[in-house]
Amino acid sequence: MSLIKITSEPALHFQEIDVKDKYNFIKQIGKGSYGEVWLVQPLRSKQIKQVRKLIYLKQQNSAPQTELEAAEREAKLLSSLKHPNIVSYIESFRSVDNFLNIVMSYCEGGDLYTKLKERKTKQQILSENQIVEWFVQICMALQYMHDRNVLHRDLKTQNIFLTKNDIVKVGDLGIARILDNSSDMATTIIGTP
């Protein structure tokens, strides 16, 4: 299957690649109205990644244009952010089977919302040290983003992920905004209430 790669250039340029030569799709770990999330393994590495696949072209059940534009913006933004507490961008491509694919690092620990819910169900209390450690990591990621005039705009426990070693990774930057100037701050209210 031929694929088209989206580079991190301001205008999207496409380059053909063949997905079978790069990734083995292991299993689907999520499904939404307009796409899927898959665990994948690069053929030249043992490190598991995740791919978010969004139906790209206008057809029945395709993602709305605004959803696709947000996904493309997220891919571009992720490609420019390199921080140990932000989900790592690997690459993006549009496949000939009409999917926009965004390859990112996989956080084996799941999201913070699920982790906290599980701990509550089991009546397990988090240590103060663990809470402070996660808080500091979240703050470091946000400081890094804010230093680059990027606002997350939907920060919540479902968008904070954990590695198998409980390292925080802020993710889901689909509605993040890059501020051009300080007056942009007034028009940035969006996200989950």
Foldseek 3Di string as FASTA:
>chain_A
DWKWWFDLDPDTDTDIDDVVQFWDFDAWDADDQFWTKTWIDTPVDRAIKIKTKGQADDDPSHDPPLQVVLVVVQLSVLCVDDDPQAWHWDTWIQGPVRITITITHDAPQAFQVVVVVVCVVVVHDDDPVLVVQQVVSVVVSQVSCVVQQKDQQADDRNQWGAHPVRRIHGGDSSLIDRDPDPVCVVVRHDYDD
